[in-house]
Amino acid sequence: MGGVYERELRAVLAGELKGVRAITRSCSEMERARAMQVIQRPFLVVRAPGSGSEGTGDLLVLRGDMCFPIEVKSSKYPRQYLSGRTMAQYEALRSTGERCGLLPLYAYRLKGVRGDSWRIMRVEVETLTGKLRHLSRSIPKLPLTRNGTPHLDWGKGMPLHRFLALVCRSDGARSIESDQTSAQIYKSMLESAN
């Protein structure tokens, strides 16, 4: 995985205003507002040692209420099939998720797309409990080929702005804010940042 996209995602998940603005430049106002929620509830994002091997993913994303490894992929094609090394990475992520009760994710960036170019998909794990189990129900899992092999399909993933709204809403919130309220919050954040 190219380091530039890994750094791009890292800046967003860490709640860096400059990073969130960069990826939402061509997004709608509502998508921007949803993505901006990460600024209020950022994650500690660490590049995994030996990135992409041993089931750690490329990034370890941590916050007091949740933690997950993320494998970052990018392509100019909407589908990416796993085989050889990439299949071994998937199996290691799944195994780590099962052993440690973690929710491994794939972040797939499609090159040359306007709007939200990132999609989030989860690795199927049976040992999840609590908040991670609840969260996993909302995130699409990697689809399967006709042969039953998992692969990345950008069109079937969750847009990053929706993922950020999902994991960054306040603990007391029962649902993601209405689009109008999110847009108002985004405008006030921009005004205070300038």
N, C-alpha and C. Protein backbone atom coordinates (compact mmCIF):
# COMPACT_ATOMS: atom_id res chain seq x y z
N MET A 1 0.86 -1.17 0.00
CA MET A 1 0.00 0.00 0.00
C MET A 1 0.89 1.21 0.00
N GLY A 2 0.61 2.17 -0.91
CA GLY A 2 1.37 3.39 -0.98
C GLY A 2 1.23 4.21 0.30
N GLY A 3 2.35 4.69 0.81
CA GLY A 3 2.36 5.44 2.06
C GLY A 3 1.52 6.71 2.03
N VAL A 4 1.35 7.31 0.84
CA VAL A 4 0.61 8.57 0.76
C VAL A 4 -0.85 8.39 1.19
N TYR A 5 -1.49 7.32 0.79
CA TYR A 5 -2.90 7.10 1.17
C TYR A 5 -3.03 6.66 2.62
N GLU A 6 -2.03 5.92 3.08
CA GLU A 6 -1.99 5.54 4.49
C GLU A 6 -1.91 6.79 5.36
N ARG A 7 -1.04 7.73 4.99
CA ARG A 7 -0.91 9.00 5.73
C ARG A 7 -2.18 9.82 5.63
N GLU A 8 -2.82 9.82 4.46
CA GLU A 8 -4.07 10.55 4.27
C GLU A 8 -5.13 10.05 5.24
N LEU A 9 -5.32 8.74 5.31
CA LEU A 9 -6.31 8.16 6.20
C LEU A 9 -5.93 8.38 7.66
N ARG A 10 -4.65 8.27 7.95
CA ARG A 10 -4.17 8.49 9.33
C ARG A 10 -4.52 9.89 9.81
N ALA A 11 -4.30 10.91 8.96
CA ALA A 11 -4.60 12.30 9.33
C ALA A 11 -6.10 12.48 9.60
N VAL A 12 -6.92 11.84 8.79
CA VAL A 12 -8.38 11.96 8.96
C VAL A 12 -8.81 11.32 10.27
N LEU A 13 -8.41 10.08 10.52
CA LEU A 13 -8.83 9.39 11.72
C LEU A 13 -8.29 10.04 12.99
N ALA A 14 -7.14 10.71 12.88
CA ALA A 14 -6.56 11.43 14.02
C ALA A 14 -7.28 12.75 14.27
N GLY A 15 -8.24 13.10 13.41
CA GLY A 15 -9.02 14.32 13.60
C GLY A 15 -8.31 15.59 13.22
N GLU A 16 -7.34 15.50 12.31
CA GLU A 16 -6.62 16.70 11.87
C GLU A 16 -7.49 17.46 10.87
N LEU A 17 -7.80 18.71 11.17
CA LEU A 17 -8.68 19.52 10.34
C LEU A 17 -8.19 19.57 8.89
N LYS A 18 -6.89 19.79 8.72
CA LYS A 18 -6.31 19.88 7.36
C LYS A 18 -6.55 18.58 6.58
N GLY A 19 -6.39 17.43 7.26
CA GLY A 19 -6.59 16.13 6.61
C GLY A 19 -8.03 15.90 6.22
N VAL A 20 -8.97 16.25 7.12
CA VAL A 20 -10.39 16.06 6.82
C VAL A 20 -10.82 16.98 5.68
N ARG A 21 -10.34 18.21 5.71
CA ARG A 21 -10.67 19.15 4.62
C ARG A 21 -10.17 18.63 3.28
N ALA A 22 -8.96 18.07 3.28
CA ALA A 22 -8.36 17.58 2.03
C ALA A 22 -9.19 16.48 1.39
N ILE A 23 -9.69 15.54 2.18
CA ILE A 23 -10.44 14.42 1.58
C ILE A 23 -11.89 14.76 1.28
N THR A 24 -12.39 15.88 1.83
CA THR A 24 -13.80 16.23 1.61
C THR A 24 -13.97 17.41 0.67
N ARG A 25 -12.89 17.82 0.03
CA ARG A 25 -12.93 18.99 -0.85
C ARG A 25 -14.04 18.89 -1.90
N SER A 26 -14.21 17.74 -2.51
CA SER A 26 -15.22 17.59 -3.57
C SER A 26 -16.47 16.87 -3.08
N CYS A 27 -16.67 16.80 -1.77
CA CYS A 27 -17.85 16.15 -1.20
C CYS A 27 -18.99 17.15 -1.04
N SER A 28 -20.18 16.65 -0.81
CA SER A 28 -21.32 17.52 -0.53
C SER A 28 -21.16 18.10 0.87
N GLU A 29 -21.93 19.13 1.17
CA GLU A 29 -21.87 19.76 2.49
C GLU A 29 -22.24 18.76 3.60
N MET A 30 -23.23 17.93 3.34
CA MET A 30 -23.64 16.93 4.33
C MET A 30 -22.52 15.91 4.57
N GLU A 31 -21.87 15.45 3.51
CA GLU A 31 -20.77 14.49 3.66
C GLU A 31 -19.62 15.11 4.45
N ARG A 32 -19.32 16.40 4.16
CA ARG A 32 -18.27 17.10 4.89
C ARG A 32 -18.61 17.19 6.37
N ALA A 33 -19.86 17.53 6.67
CA ALA A 33 -20.29 17.67 8.06
C ALA A 33 -20.15 16.35 8.81
N ARG A 34 -20.51 15.28 8.17
CA ARG A 34 -20.39 13.96 8.82
C ARG A 34 -18.92 13.63 9.08
N ALA A 35 -18.07 13.88 8.10
CA ALA A 35 -16.64 13.58 8.25
C ALA A 35 -16.01 14.45 9.33
N MET A 36 -16.46 15.70 9.45
CA MET A 36 -15.88 16.63 10.43
C MET A 36 -16.13 16.19 11.87
N GLN A 37 -17.05 15.29 12.10
CA GLN A 37 -17.32 14.83 13.47
C GLN A 37 -16.10 14.20 14.11
N VAL A 38 -15.17 13.68 13.31
CA VAL A 38 -13.98 13.04 13.85
C VAL A 38 -13.08 14.06 14.56
N ILE A 39 -13.22 15.34 14.25
CA ILE A 39 -12.41 16.37 14.91
C ILE A 39 -12.79 16.46 16.40
N GLN A 40 -14.06 16.25 16.71
CA GLN A 40 -14.51 16.29 18.10
C GLN A 40 -14.18 15.00 18.85
N ARG A 41 -14.10 13.87 18.15
CA ARG A 41 -13.83 12.58 18.80
C ARG A 41 -12.75 11.83 18.01
N PRO A 42 -11.51 12.36 18.02
CA PRO A 42 -10.43 11.75 17.23
C PRO A 42 -9.94 10.43 17.82
N PHE A 43 -9.20 9.72 17.02
CA PHE A 43 -8.56 8.47 17.41
C PHE A 43 -7.06 8.68 17.53
N LEU A 44 -6.41 7.85 18.31
CA LEU A 44 -4.97 7.74 18.27
C LEU A 44 -4.70 6.73 17.15
N VAL A 45 -3.92 7.15 16.17
CA VAL A 45 -3.67 6.28 15.02
C VAL A 45 -2.17 6.01 14.95
N VAL A 46 -1.82 4.72 14.99
CA VAL A 46 -0.43 4.31 15.00
C VAL A 46 -0.16 3.43 13.79
N ARG A 47 0.91 3.73 13.09
CA ARG A 47 1.31 2.85 11.99
C ARG A 47 1.85 1.57 12.61
N ALA A 48 1.30 0.46 12.18
CA ALA A 48 1.68 -0.82 12.77
C ALA A 48 3.10 -1.19 12.38
N PRO A 49 3.89 -1.69 13.34
CA PRO A 49 5.23 -2.16 12.98
C PRO A 49 5.12 -3.36 12.04
N GLY A 50 5.97 -3.41 11.05
CA GLY A 50 5.87 -4.49 10.07
C GLY A 50 4.56 -4.38 9.33
N SER A 51 4.19 -3.15 9.01
CA SER A 51 2.89 -2.82 8.44
C SER A 51 2.40 -3.84 7.41
N GLY A 52 1.18 -4.30 7.62
CA GLY A 52 0.55 -5.20 6.66
C GLY A 52 0.85 -6.67 6.89
N SER A 53 1.60 -7.00 7.94
CA SER A 53 1.90 -8.41 8.19
C SER A 53 1.49 -8.81 9.59
N GLU A 54 1.47 -10.10 9.83
CA GLU A 54 1.18 -10.64 11.15
C GLU A 54 -0.17 -10.24 11.72
N GLY A 55 -1.12 -9.87 10.89
CA GLY A 55 -2.47 -9.59 11.35
C GLY A 55 -2.68 -8.26 12.01
N THR A 56 -1.69 -7.36 11.89
CA THR A 56 -1.83 -6.05 12.53
C THR A 56 -2.48 -5.01 11.62
N GLY A 57 -2.51 -5.27 10.32
CA GLY A 57 -2.99 -4.27 9.39
C GLY A 57 -1.92 -3.20 9.22
N ASP A 58 -2.26 -2.11 8.54
CA ASP A 58 -1.34 -1.00 8.33
C ASP A 58 -1.42 0.01 9.47
N LEU A 59 -2.63 0.20 10.00
CA LEU A 59 -2.86 1.19 11.05
C LEU A 59 -3.58 0.55 12.23
N LEU A 60 -3.20 0.93 13.44
CA LEU A 60 -3.95 0.56 14.63
C LEU A 60 -4.67 1.82 15.10
N VAL A 61 -5.98 1.75 15.18
CA VAL A 61 -6.81 2.91 15.48
C VAL A 61 -7.42 2.72 16.86
N LEU A 62 -7.11 3.63 17.79
CA LEU A 62 -7.49 3.46 19.19
C LEU A 62 -8.20 4.69 19.75
N ARG A 63 -9.18 4.43 20.59
CA ARG A 63 -9.85 5.47 21.36
C ARG A 63 -10.39 4.76 22.60
N GLY A 64 -10.74 5.46 23.62
CA GLY A 64 -11.18 4.85 24.86
C GLY A 64 -12.31 3.86 24.71
N ASP A 65 -13.17 4.06 23.72
CA ASP A 65 -14.33 3.20 23.56
C ASP A 65 -14.21 2.14 22.47
N MET A 66 -13.16 2.20 21.65
CA MET A 66 -13.01 1.21 20.58
C MET A 66 -11.58 1.18 20.04
N CYS A 67 -11.27 0.06 19.41
CA CYS A 67 -9.95 -0.16 18.84
C CYS A 67 -10.08 -1.13 17.67
N PHE A 68 -9.41 -0.84 16.56
CA PHE A 68 -9.42 -1.79 15.45
C PHE A 68 -8.20 -1.62 14.55
N PRO A 69 -7.72 -2.74 13.99
CA PRO A 69 -6.67 -2.68 12.99
C PRO A 69 -7.28 -2.41 11.62
N ILE A 70 -6.59 -1.62 10.82
CA ILE A 70 -7.08 -1.30 9.47
C ILE A 70 -6.00 -1.63 8.45
N GLU A 71 -6.38 -2.39 7.45
CA GLU A 71 -5.53 -2.67 6.29
C GLU A 71 -5.93 -1.67 5.21
N VAL A 72 -4.98 -0.89 4.71
CA VAL A 72 -5.24 0.17 3.74
C VAL A 72 -4.86 -0.32 2.35
N LYS A 73 -5.80 -0.18 1.41
CA LYS A 73 -5.55 -0.57 0.02
C LYS A 73 -6.01 0.57 -0.89
N SER A 74 -5.40 0.66 -2.05
CA SER A 74 -5.84 1.65 -3.04
C SER A 74 -5.67 1.05 -4.44
N SER A 75 -6.49 1.55 -5.37
CA SER A 75 -6.43 1.07 -6.74
C SER A 75 -7.19 2.03 -7.64
N LYS A 76 -6.93 1.95 -8.92
CA LYS A 76 -7.75 2.71 -9.88
C LYS A 76 -8.92 1.87 -10.36
N TYR A 77 -8.98 0.62 -9.89
CA TYR A 77 -10.07 -0.29 -10.26
C TYR A 77 -10.99 -0.51 -9.05
N PRO A 78 -12.30 -0.57 -9.27
CA PRO A 78 -13.22 -0.72 -8.14
C PRO A 78 -13.15 -2.06 -7.42
N ARG A 79 -12.61 -3.08 -8.07
CA ARG A 79 -12.49 -4.40 -7.41
C ARG A 79 -11.03 -4.79 -7.31
N GLN A 80 -10.72 -5.41 -6.17
CA GLN A 80 -9.38 -5.93 -5.96
C GLN A 80 -9.52 -7.33 -5.36
N TYR A 81 -8.94 -8.30 -6.04
CA TYR A 81 -9.05 -9.69 -5.60
C TYR A 81 -7.85 -10.05 -4.73
N LEU A 82 -8.11 -10.84 -3.71
CA LEU A 82 -7.07 -11.23 -2.77
C LEU A 82 -6.49 -12.58 -3.18
N SER A 83 -5.17 -12.65 -3.23
CA SER A 83 -4.50 -13.92 -3.51
C SER A 83 -3.06 -13.79 -3.04
N GLY A 84 -2.43 -14.90 -2.79
CA GLY A 84 -1.03 -14.87 -2.36
C GLY A 84 -0.84 -14.08 -1.08
N ARG A 85 0.01 -13.05 -1.15
CA ARG A 85 0.33 -12.23 0.02
C ARG A 85 -0.88 -11.50 0.57
N THR A 86 -1.74 -10.97 -0.32
CA THR A 86 -2.90 -10.22 0.17
C THR A 86 -3.92 -11.15 0.84
N MET A 87 -4.01 -12.40 0.39
CA MET A 87 -4.89 -13.36 1.05
C MET A 87 -4.31 -13.76 2.41
N ALA A 88 -2.99 -13.88 2.48
CA ALA A 88 -2.34 -14.19 3.76
C ALA A 88 -2.57 -13.05 4.76
N GLN A 89 -2.53 -11.80 4.28
CA GLN A 89 -2.82 -10.64 5.15
C GLN A 89 -4.25 -10.74 5.68
N TYR A 90 -5.19 -11.05 4.79
CA TYR A 90 -6.59 -11.17 5.19
C TYR A 90 -6.74 -12.25 6.27
N GLU A 91 -6.17 -13.42 6.04
CA GLU A 91 -6.28 -14.53 6.99
C GLU A 91 -5.65 -14.17 8.34
N ALA A 92 -4.52 -13.46 8.30
CA ALA A 92 -3.86 -13.04 9.55
C ALA A 92 -4.73 -12.03 10.29
N LEU A 93 -5.36 -11.11 9.57
CA LEU A 93 -6.27 -10.14 10.20
C LEU A 93 -7.46 -10.86 10.85
N ARG A 94 -8.03 -11.81 10.12
CA ARG A 94 -9.17 -12.55 10.64
C ARG A 94 -8.79 -13.32 11.89
N SER A 95 -7.64 -13.97 11.84
CA SER A 95 -7.16 -14.75 12.97
C SER A 95 -6.91 -13.86 14.19
N THR A 96 -6.29 -12.71 13.98
CA THR A 96 -6.04 -11.76 15.08
C THR A 96 -7.36 -11.26 15.65
N GLY A 97 -8.31 -10.96 14.77
CA GLY A 97 -9.63 -10.52 15.22
C GLY A 97 -10.31 -11.56 16.09
N GLU A 98 -10.25 -12.82 15.67
CA GLU A 98 -10.85 -13.91 16.43
C GLU A 98 -10.16 -14.09 17.79
N ARG A 99 -8.84 -14.10 17.78
CA ARG A 99 -8.07 -14.32 19.01
C ARG A 99 -8.24 -13.19 20.02
N CYS A 100 -8.26 -11.96 19.52
CA CYS A 100 -8.23 -10.79 20.41
C CYS A 100 -9.58 -10.09 20.57
N GLY A 101 -10.60 -10.57 19.88
CA GLY A 101 -11.91 -9.92 19.97
C GLY A 101 -11.93 -8.54 19.34
N LEU A 102 -11.15 -8.35 18.26
CA LEU A 102 -11.07 -7.07 17.56
C LEU A 102 -11.89 -7.11 16.27
N LEU A 103 -12.21 -5.93 15.75
CA LEU A 103 -12.92 -5.80 14.49
C LEU A 103 -11.95 -5.28 13.43
N PRO A 104 -11.32 -6.18 12.64
CA PRO A 104 -10.41 -5.74 11.59
C PRO A 104 -11.19 -5.12 10.43
N LEU A 105 -10.64 -4.05 9.88
CA LEU A 105 -11.29 -3.33 8.78
C LEU A 105 -10.34 -3.19 7.60
N TYR A 106 -10.93 -3.05 6.42
CA TYR A 106 -10.21 -2.65 5.22
C TYR A 106 -10.69 -1.26 4.85
N ALA A 107 -9.75 -0.37 4.54
CA ALA A 107 -10.06 0.95 4.00
C ALA A 107 -9.56 0.93 2.56
N TYR A 108 -10.48 1.09 1.61
CA TYR A 108 -10.15 0.94 0.19
C TYR A 108 -10.37 2.28 -0.51
N ARG A 109 -9.29 2.85 -1.05
CA ARG A 109 -9.38 4.13 -1.73
C ARG A 109 -9.34 3.91 -3.23
N LEU A 110 -10.37 4.45 -3.90
CA LEU A 110 -10.43 4.37 -5.36
C LEU A 110 -9.83 5.66 -5.92
N LYS A 111 -8.81 5.53 -6.74
CA LYS A 111 -8.12 6.68 -7.30
C LYS A 111 -8.95 7.32 -8.42
N GLY A 112 -8.87 8.64 -8.51
CA GLY A 112 -9.52 9.35 -9.60
C GLY A 112 -11.02 9.55 -9.44
N VAL A 113 -11.53 9.47 -8.21
CA VAL A 113 -12.97 9.61 -7.97
C VAL A 113 -13.24 10.94 -7.26
N ARG A 114 -14.27 11.65 -7.70
CA ARG A 114 -14.69 12.86 -6.99
C ARG A 114 -15.59 12.46 -5.83
N GLY A 115 -15.64 13.30 -4.82
CA GLY A 115 -16.44 12.99 -3.65
C GLY A 115 -15.66 12.10 -2.70
N ASP A 116 -16.36 11.33 -1.92
CA ASP A 116 -15.73 10.45 -0.93
C ASP A 116 -15.11 9.25 -1.65
N SER A 117 -13.79 9.21 -1.71
CA SER A 117 -13.10 8.17 -2.48
C SER A 117 -12.73 6.95 -1.62
N TRP A 118 -13.04 6.99 -0.32
CA TRP A 118 -12.73 5.89 0.59
C TRP A 118 -13.95 5.04 0.89
N ARG A 119 -13.75 3.72 1.01
CA ARG A 119 -14.81 2.81 1.44
C ARG A 119 -14.25 1.92 2.54
N ILE A 120 -15.11 1.63 3.52
CA ILE A 120 -14.73 0.80 4.66
C ILE A 120 -15.50 -0.52 4.60
N MET A 121 -14.78 -1.63 4.81
CA MET A 121 -15.38 -2.96 4.86
C MET A 121 -14.77 -3.71 6.04
N ARG A 122 -15.52 -4.65 6.58
CA ARG A 122 -15.02 -5.38 7.74
C ARG A 122 -14.67 -6.82 7.38
N VAL A 123 -13.78 -7.36 8.18
CA VAL A 123 -13.42 -8.77 8.10
C VAL A 123 -14.40 -9.51 9.01
N GLU A 124 -14.95 -10.61 8.55
CA GLU A 124 -15.91 -11.40 9.33
C GLU A 124 -15.22 -12.02 10.53
N VAL A 125 -15.67 -11.65 11.75
CA VAL A 125 -15.12 -12.17 13.00
C VAL A 125 -16.27 -12.59 13.89
N GLU A 126 -16.18 -13.77 14.49
CA GLU A 126 -17.26 -14.33 15.31
C GLU A 126 -17.16 -13.99 16.79
N THR A 127 -15.99 -13.56 17.27
CA THR A 127 -15.78 -13.41 18.72
C THR A 127 -16.02 -12.00 19.25
N LEU A 128 -16.66 -11.13 18.47
CA LEU A 128 -16.88 -9.76 18.91
C LEU A 128 -17.91 -9.68 20.02
N THR A 129 -17.72 -8.73 20.92
CA THR A 129 -18.69 -8.49 21.99
C THR A 129 -18.91 -6.98 22.12
N GLY A 130 -19.95 -6.61 22.85
CA GLY A 130 -20.19 -5.22 23.20
C GLY A 130 -20.33 -4.28 22.02
N LYS A 131 -19.68 -3.11 22.16
CA LYS A 131 -19.79 -2.05 21.17
C LYS A 131 -19.27 -2.47 19.79
N LEU A 132 -18.18 -3.24 19.76
CA LEU A 132 -17.64 -3.68 18.47
C LEU A 132 -18.60 -4.61 17.74
N ARG A 133 -19.28 -5.47 18.49
CA ARG A 133 -20.26 -6.36 17.87
C ARG A 133 -21.41 -5.55 17.27
N HIS A 134 -21.88 -4.57 18.02
CA HIS A 134 -22.95 -3.70 17.54
C HIS A 134 -22.51 -2.92 16.30
N LEU A 135 -21.30 -2.37 16.36
CA LEU A 135 -20.74 -1.61 15.24
C LEU A 135 -20.60 -2.48 14.00
N SER A 136 -20.18 -3.72 14.17
CA SER A 136 -19.94 -4.61 13.03
C SER A 136 -21.21 -4.86 12.21
N ARG A 137 -22.36 -4.79 12.85
CA ARG A 137 -23.62 -5.00 12.13
C ARG A 137 -23.91 -3.90 11.11
N SER A 138 -23.31 -2.73 11.31
CA SER A 138 -23.56 -1.59 10.41
C SER A 138 -22.56 -1.49 9.27
N ILE A 139 -21.42 -2.15 9.41
CA ILE A 139 -20.36 -2.06 8.40
C ILE A 139 -20.42 -3.28 7.49
N PRO A 140 -20.47 -3.06 6.18
CA PRO A 140 -20.53 -4.23 5.27
C PRO A 140 -19.26 -5.06 5.34
N LYS A 141 -19.42 -6.39 5.27
CA LYS A 141 -18.25 -7.26 5.25
C LYS A 141 -17.72 -7.36 3.82
N LEU A 142 -16.49 -7.83 3.68
CA LEU A 142 -15.94 -8.03 2.36
C LEU A 142 -16.83 -8.99 1.60
N PRO A 143 -17.23 -8.64 0.37
CA PRO A 143 -18.06 -9.56 -0.40
C PRO A 143 -17.25 -10.78 -0.84
N LEU A 144 -17.96 -11.82 -1.25
CA LEU A 144 -17.31 -13.05 -1.68
C LEU A 144 -17.44 -13.22 -3.19
N THR A 145 -16.43 -13.82 -3.80
CA THR A 145 -16.49 -14.17 -5.22
C THR A 145 -17.40 -15.39 -5.35
N ARG A 146 -17.64 -15.83 -6.59
CA ARG A 146 -18.44 -17.05 -6.82
C ARG A 146 -17.82 -18.27 -6.14
N ASN A 147 -16.50 -18.23 -5.97
CA ASN A 147 -15.79 -19.34 -5.33
C ASN A 147 -15.78 -19.22 -3.81
N GLY A 148 -16.39 -18.16 -3.27
CA GLY A 148 -16.42 -17.98 -1.81
C GLY A 148 -15.19 -17.30 -1.24
N THR A 149 -14.38 -16.67 -2.09
CA THR A 149 -13.17 -15.98 -1.64
C THR A 149 -13.49 -14.50 -1.40
N PRO A 150 -13.10 -13.94 -0.24
CA PRO A 150 -13.35 -12.52 0.00
C PRO A 150 -12.53 -11.66 -0.95
N HIS A 151 -13.10 -10.52 -1.32
CA HIS A 151 -12.39 -9.56 -2.16
C HIS A 151 -12.88 -8.16 -1.81
N LEU A 152 -12.20 -7.15 -2.33
CA LEU A 152 -12.58 -5.76 -2.11
C LEU A 152 -13.43 -5.29 -3.27
N ASP A 153 -14.58 -4.73 -2.97
CA ASP A 153 -15.46 -4.16 -3.99
C ASP A 153 -15.86 -2.78 -3.49
N TRP A 154 -15.26 -1.75 -4.07
CA TRP A 154 -15.45 -0.37 -3.63
C TRP A 154 -16.93 -0.01 -3.58
N GLY A 155 -17.70 -0.46 -4.55
CA GLY A 155 -19.12 -0.13 -4.62
C GLY A 155 -19.95 -0.74 -3.50
N LYS A 156 -19.43 -1.73 -2.81
CA LYS A 156 -20.18 -2.39 -1.73
C LYS A 156 -19.71 -1.97 -0.34
N GLY A 157 -18.72 -1.08 -0.27
CA GLY A 157 -18.22 -0.63 1.03
C GLY A 157 -19.01 0.54 1.58
N MET A 158 -18.75 0.88 2.83
CA MET A 158 -19.38 2.03 3.48
C MET A 158 -18.52 3.26 3.23
N PRO A 159 -19.13 4.35 2.72
CA PRO A 159 -18.35 5.57 2.51
C PRO A 159 -17.71 6.04 3.83
N LEU A 160 -16.50 6.56 3.75
CA LEU A 160 -15.77 6.97 4.93
C LEU A 160 -16.53 7.99 5.76
N HIS A 161 -17.22 8.95 5.13
CA HIS A 161 -17.94 9.96 5.91
C HIS A 161 -19.04 9.32 6.75
N ARG A 162 -19.69 8.29 6.23
CA ARG A 162 -20.72 7.58 7.02
C ARG A 162 -20.09 6.81 8.16
N PHE A 163 -18.95 6.18 7.90
CA PHE A 163 -18.22 5.45 8.95
C PHE A 163 -17.82 6.41 10.07
N LEU A 164 -17.27 7.57 9.70
CA LEU A 164 -16.85 8.55 10.71
C LEU A 164 -18.03 9.03 11.54
N ALA A 165 -19.15 9.30 10.89
CA ALA A 165 -20.35 9.73 11.63
C ALA A 165 -20.80 8.63 12.59
N LEU A 166 -20.69 7.39 12.16
CA LEU A 166 -21.11 6.25 12.97
C LEU A 166 -20.22 6.08 14.21
N VAL A 167 -18.92 6.16 14.05
CA VAL A 167 -18.01 5.92 15.18
C VAL A 167 -17.72 7.16 16.01
N CYS A 168 -18.13 8.32 15.54
CA CYS A 168 -17.82 9.56 16.26
C CYS A 168 -19.02 10.24 16.87
N ARG A 169 -20.20 9.69 16.70
CA ARG A 169 -21.35 10.31 17.35
C ARG A 169 -21.17 10.20 18.86
N SER A 170 -21.78 11.10 19.59
CA SER A 170 -21.60 11.09 21.04
C SER A 170 -22.23 9.85 21.63
N ASP A 171 -21.73 9.41 22.77
CA ASP A 171 -22.25 8.21 23.42
C ASP A 171 -23.73 8.30 23.73
N GLY A 172 -24.20 9.51 24.04
CA GLY A 172 -25.61 9.67 24.39
C GLY A 172 -26.54 9.76 23.19
N ALA A 173 -25.98 9.94 22.01
CA ALA A 173 -26.82 10.09 20.81
C ALA A 173 -27.43 8.75 20.43
N ARG A 174 -28.70 8.79 20.08
CA ARG A 174 -29.37 7.54 19.68
C ARG A 174 -29.24 7.28 18.19
N SER A 175 -29.05 8.32 17.42
CA SER A 175 -28.88 8.13 15.98
C SER A 175 -28.03 9.26 15.43
N ILE A 176 -27.56 9.09 14.23
CA ILE A 176 -26.77 10.12 13.59
C ILE A 176 -27.64 11.34 13.38
N GLU A 177 -27.07 12.51 13.64
CA GLU A 177 -27.83 13.74 13.55
C GLU A 177 -28.45 13.91 12.18
N SER A 178 -29.51 14.71 12.14
CA SER A 178 -30.16 14.97 10.85
C SER A 178 -29.18 15.70 9.95
N ASP A 179 -29.38 15.57 8.66
CA ASP A 179 -28.48 16.20 7.70
C ASP A 179 -28.41 17.71 7.90
N GLN A 180 -29.53 18.34 8.21
CA GLN A 180 -29.56 19.78 8.40
C GLN A 180 -28.73 20.18 9.61
N THR A 181 -28.87 19.47 10.71
CA THR A 181 -28.10 19.77 11.92
C THR A 181 -26.62 19.55 11.68
N SER A 182 -26.26 18.49 10.98
CA SER A 182 -24.85 18.21 10.67
C SER A 182 -24.26 19.34 9.83
N ALA A 183 -25.01 19.82 8.87
CA ALA A 183 -24.53 20.92 8.03
C ALA A 183 -24.32 22.19 8.87
N GLN A 184 -25.20 22.46 9.83
CA GLN A 184 -25.05 23.63 10.70
C GLN A 184 -23.81 23.51 11.56
N ILE A 185 -23.56 22.32 12.09
CA ILE A 185 -22.36 22.08 12.91
C ILE A 185 -21.11 22.31 12.07
N TYR A 186 -21.12 21.80 10.84
CA TYR A 186 -19.97 21.96 9.95
C TYR A 186 -19.69 23.44 9.70
N LYS A 187 -20.75 24.23 9.41
CA LYS A 187 -20.57 25.66 9.15
C LYS A 187 -19.98 26.37 10.36
N SER A 188 -20.47 26.04 11.56
CA SER A 188 -19.96 26.71 12.77
C SER A 188 -18.51 26.29 13.02
N MET A 189 -18.13 25.04 12.68
CA MET A 189 -16.75 24.60 12.85
C MET A 189 -15.82 25.36 11.91
N LEU A 190 -16.28 25.58 10.67
CA LEU A 190 -15.48 26.34 9.71
C LEU A 190 -15.29 27.77 10.16
N GLU A 191 -16.36 28.38 10.67
CA GLU A 191 -16.29 29.76 11.13
C GLU A 191 -15.31 29.90 12.29
N SER A 192 -15.35 28.94 13.23
CA SER A 192 -14.46 29.01 14.39
C SER A 192 -13.02 28.70 14.01
N ALA A 193 -12.80 27.92 12.95
CA ALA A 193 -11.44 27.58 12.52
C ALA A 193 -10.78 28.72 11.77
N ASN A 194 -11.58 29.61 11.19
CA ASN A 194 -11.01 30.74 10.41
C ASN A 194 -10.71 31.93 11.24
